[in-house]
Structures are given as structure tokens and as C-alpha cells.
């Protein structure tokens, strides 16, 4: 009688442990994925800003060269 009552709590602990295991893995995977996407978004946005600044600088330089050529 005691062996069956002792195995029952052990069995229930194993079930809850296996249920919590995958959810923790999925939670960590989700956050790693979100961090990776955030890093990629920051990288893409800084490249976009860099391209905009370079285009504006090139345009301004071209305008100043045209002004100097006409003078």
C-alpha cells in the first residue's frame, strides 16, 4: 500500500516536470528569436540611414560643385 502511494507523487512530479520543460524551451527560443530580429532590424535601419545621409551628402556636394563651375 505504501509503495503505491509513494510512486503516485513521484509520477505526478515527473508529469509536471515534462510539461514545464518544453514550454521553457519554447519561451527561450521565442526570446532568442525576438532578440535576433531586433538586432537585424537595428542593423537594417542603420544601413538605411547611412544610405540616406550619403545620398544627401552626394547631392549637396554636386550642387556646390555646380555653383562653383558657374562662378
N, C-alpha and C. Protein backbone atom coordinates (compact mmCIF):
# COMPACT_ATOMS: atom_id res chain seq x y z
N UNK A 1 0.82 -1.19 0.00
CA UNK A 1 0.00 0.00 0.00
C UNK A 1 0.86 1.25 0.00
N UNK A 2 1.94 1.25 0.75
CA UNK A 2 2.77 2.43 0.81
C UNK A 2 3.52 2.65 -0.51
N UNK A 3 3.93 1.58 -1.14
CA UNK A 3 4.68 1.74 -2.39
C UNK A 3 3.81 2.39 -3.46
N UNK A 4 2.53 2.09 -3.48
CA UNK A 4 1.67 2.71 -4.49
C UNK A 4 1.44 4.18 -4.18
N UNK A 5 1.35 4.57 -2.90
CA UNK A 5 1.18 5.98 -2.57
C UNK A 5 2.47 6.76 -2.80
N UNK A 6 3.61 6.10 -2.62
CA UNK A 6 4.88 6.78 -2.85
C UNK A 6 5.13 6.98 -4.34
N UNK A 7 4.76 6.04 -5.16
CA UNK A 7 5.01 6.18 -6.59
C UNK A 7 4.06 7.20 -7.22
N UNK A 8 2.92 7.41 -6.63
CA UNK A 8 1.97 8.35 -7.19
C UNK A 8 2.49 9.79 -7.17
N UNK A 9 3.03 10.32 -6.05
CA UNK A 9 3.57 11.68 -6.08
C UNK A 9 4.79 11.80 -6.99
N UNK A 10 5.60 10.76 -7.06
CA UNK A 10 6.76 10.80 -7.94
C UNK A 10 6.30 10.87 -9.38
N UNK A 11 5.29 10.08 -9.70
CA UNK A 11 4.76 10.10 -11.06
C UNK A 11 4.18 11.46 -11.39
N UNK A 12 3.46 12.08 -10.47
CA UNK A 12 2.87 13.39 -10.76
C UNK A 12 3.96 14.45 -10.90
N UNK A 13 5.06 14.34 -10.15
CA UNK A 13 6.17 15.29 -10.30
C UNK A 13 6.82 15.15 -11.67
N UNK A 14 6.95 13.92 -12.13
CA UNK A 14 7.56 13.71 -13.46
C UNK A 14 6.69 14.29 -14.55
N UNK A 15 5.40 14.17 -14.41
CA UNK A 15 4.48 14.69 -15.43
C UNK A 15 4.57 16.21 -15.47
N UNK A 16 4.57 16.87 -14.31
CA UNK A 16 4.65 18.32 -14.31
C UNK A 16 6.01 18.80 -14.80
N UNK A 17 7.07 18.06 -14.51
CA UNK A 17 8.39 18.44 -14.99
C UNK A 17 8.45 18.35 -16.50
N UNK A 18 7.92 17.29 -17.08
CA UNK A 18 7.96 17.16 -18.53
C UNK A 18 7.03 18.17 -19.19
N UNK A 19 5.98 18.56 -18.54
CA UNK A 19 5.09 19.57 -19.12
C UNK A 19 5.76 20.94 -19.10
N UNK A 20 6.51 21.26 -18.05
CA UNK A 20 7.16 22.55 -17.96
C UNK A 20 8.41 22.63 -18.83
N UNK A 21 9.06 21.52 -19.10
CA UNK A 21 10.29 21.50 -19.88
C UNK A 21 10.14 22.10 -21.27
N UNK A 22 9.25 21.60 -22.08
CA UNK A 22 9.11 22.15 -23.43
C UNK A 22 8.64 23.60 -23.44
N UNK A 23 7.78 24.00 -22.51
CA UNK A 23 7.31 25.38 -22.53
C UNK A 23 8.45 26.34 -22.22
N UNK A 24 9.37 25.94 -21.35
CA UNK A 24 10.53 26.78 -21.06
C UNK A 24 11.42 26.87 -22.29
N UNK A 25 11.60 25.76 -22.98
CA UNK A 25 12.42 25.76 -24.20
C UNK A 25 11.80 26.66 -25.26
N UNK A 26 10.48 26.56 -25.43
CA UNK A 26 9.82 27.41 -26.43
C UNK A 26 9.88 28.88 -26.03
N UNK A 27 9.77 29.15 -24.74
CA UNK A 27 9.86 30.52 -24.25
C UNK A 27 11.24 31.10 -24.55
N UNK A 28 12.29 30.34 -24.24
CA UNK A 28 13.65 30.81 -24.51
C UNK A 28 13.89 30.95 -26.01
N UNK A 29 13.40 30.01 -26.79
CA UNK A 29 13.55 30.10 -28.24
C UNK A 29 12.84 31.34 -28.78
N UNK A 30 11.66 31.63 -28.26
CA UNK A 30 10.91 32.82 -28.67
C UNK A 30 11.71 34.09 -28.38
N UNK A 31 12.28 34.19 -27.18
CA UNK A 31 13.03 35.39 -26.83
C UNK A 31 14.33 35.50 -27.61
N UNK A 32 15.00 34.41 -27.87
CA UNK A 32 16.21 34.45 -28.69
C UNK A 32 15.86 34.91 -30.10
N UNK A 33 14.75 34.41 -30.62
CA UNK A 33 14.30 34.83 -31.94
C UNK A 33 13.95 36.31 -31.96
N UNK A 34 13.27 36.79 -30.92
CA UNK A 34 12.91 38.21 -30.85
C UNK A 34 14.15 39.09 -30.76
N UNK A 35 15.14 38.68 -30.00
CA UNK A 35 16.38 39.44 -29.88
C UNK A 35 17.10 39.46 -31.22
N UNK A 36 17.14 38.33 -31.88
CA UNK A 36 17.77 38.26 -33.21
C UNK A 36 17.07 39.16 -34.21
N UNK A 37 15.75 39.16 -34.20
CA UNK A 37 15.01 40.04 -35.10
C UNK A 37 15.25 41.51 -34.77
N UNK A 38 15.36 41.82 -33.49
CA UNK A 38 15.65 43.19 -33.08
C UNK A 38 17.02 43.64 -33.55
N UNK A 39 18.01 42.77 -33.42
CA UNK A 39 19.36 43.10 -33.89
C UNK A 39 19.35 43.31 -35.40
N UNK A 40 18.65 42.45 -36.12
CA UNK A 40 18.56 42.59 -37.57
C UNK A 40 17.86 43.89 -37.96
N UNK A 41 16.80 44.24 -37.25
CA UNK A 41 16.07 45.47 -37.54
C UNK A 41 16.95 46.70 -37.30
N UNK A 42 17.70 46.70 -36.23
CA UNK A 42 18.60 47.82 -35.94
C UNK A 42 19.67 47.91 -37.02
N UNK A 43 20.24 46.80 -37.41
CA UNK A 43 21.27 46.78 -38.45
C UNK A 43 20.71 47.32 -39.77
N UNK A 44 19.52 46.85 -40.15
CA UNK A 44 18.91 47.29 -41.40
C UNK A 44 18.59 48.78 -41.36
N UNK A 45 18.08 49.24 -40.24
CA UNK A 45 17.71 50.65 -40.13
C UNK A 45 18.94 51.55 -40.17
N UNK A 46 20.02 51.16 -39.51
CA UNK A 46 21.23 51.98 -39.56
C UNK A 46 21.81 52.01 -40.97
N UNK A 47 21.74 50.90 -41.69
CA UNK A 47 22.19 50.91 -43.08
C UNK A 47 21.31 51.82 -43.93
N UNK A 48 20.02 51.82 -43.68
CA UNK A 48 19.10 52.69 -44.41
C UNK A 48 19.43 54.16 -44.12
N UNK A 49 19.65 54.50 -42.86
CA UNK A 49 20.01 55.87 -42.51
C UNK A 49 21.34 56.27 -43.12
N UNK A 50 22.30 55.36 -43.11
CA UNK A 50 23.61 55.65 -43.70
C UNK A 50 23.47 55.94 -45.19
N UNK A 51 22.66 55.15 -45.89
CA UNK A 51 22.43 55.38 -47.32
C UNK A 51 21.77 56.73 -47.56
N UNK A 52 20.80 57.09 -46.72
CA UNK A 52 20.13 58.39 -46.87
C UNK A 52 21.12 59.53 -46.67
N UNK A 53 21.94 59.44 -45.65
CA UNK A 53 22.91 60.50 -45.37
C UNK A 53 23.91 60.61 -46.51
N UNK A 54 24.39 59.48 -47.01
CA UNK A 54 25.34 59.51 -48.12
C UNK A 54 24.71 60.10 -49.38
N UNK A 55 23.45 59.78 -49.65
CA UNK A 55 22.77 60.35 -50.82
C UNK A 55 22.59 61.86 -50.67
N UNK A 56 22.20 62.30 -49.49
CA UNK A 56 22.04 63.74 -49.26
C UNK A 56 23.37 64.46 -49.38
N UNK A 57 24.41 63.88 -48.83
CA UNK A 57 25.74 64.48 -48.90
C UNK A 57 26.23 64.56 -50.35
N UNK A 58 25.98 63.51 -51.10
CA UNK A 58 26.37 63.50 -52.51
C UNK A 58 25.61 64.57 -53.28
N UNK A 59 24.33 64.71 -53.02
CA UNK A 59 23.52 65.72 -53.69
C UNK A 59 24.01 67.12 -53.34
N UNK A 60 24.27 67.37 -52.08
CA UNK A 60 24.77 68.68 -51.66
C UNK A 60 26.13 68.98 -52.29
N UNK A 61 26.99 67.98 -52.34
CA UNK A 61 28.31 68.16 -52.95
C UNK A 61 28.18 68.48 -54.43
N UNK A 62 27.30 67.78 -55.10
CA UNK A 62 27.08 68.02 -56.53
C UNK A 62 26.53 69.42 -56.75
N UNK A 63 25.62 69.88 -55.91
CA UNK A 63 25.08 71.23 -56.04
C UNK A 63 26.16 72.27 -55.82
N UNK A 64 27.02 72.07 -54.83
CA UNK A 64 28.09 73.02 -54.56
C UNK A 64 29.10 73.03 -55.72
N UNK A 65 29.39 71.89 -56.31
CA UNK A 65 30.29 71.85 -57.45
C UNK A 65 29.70 72.57 -58.66
N UNK A 66 28.41 72.43 -58.85
CA UNK A 66 27.74 73.13 -59.95
C UNK A 66 27.79 74.64 -59.73
N UNK A 67 27.63 75.08 -58.49
CA UNK A 67 27.70 76.51 -58.19
C UNK A 67 29.11 77.02 -58.47
N UNK A 68 30.12 76.25 -58.07
CA UNK A 68 31.50 76.67 -58.31
C UNK A 68 31.83 76.69 -59.80
N UNK A 69 31.29 75.78 -60.55
CA UNK A 69 31.54 75.74 -62.00
C UNK A 69 30.92 76.95 -62.70
N UNK A 70 29.75 77.36 -62.25
CA UNK A 70 29.09 78.51 -62.89
C UNK A 70 29.82 79.81 -62.52
N UNK A 71 30.44 79.87 -61.35
CA UNK A 71 31.17 81.08 -60.95
C UNK A 71 32.47 81.09 -61.68
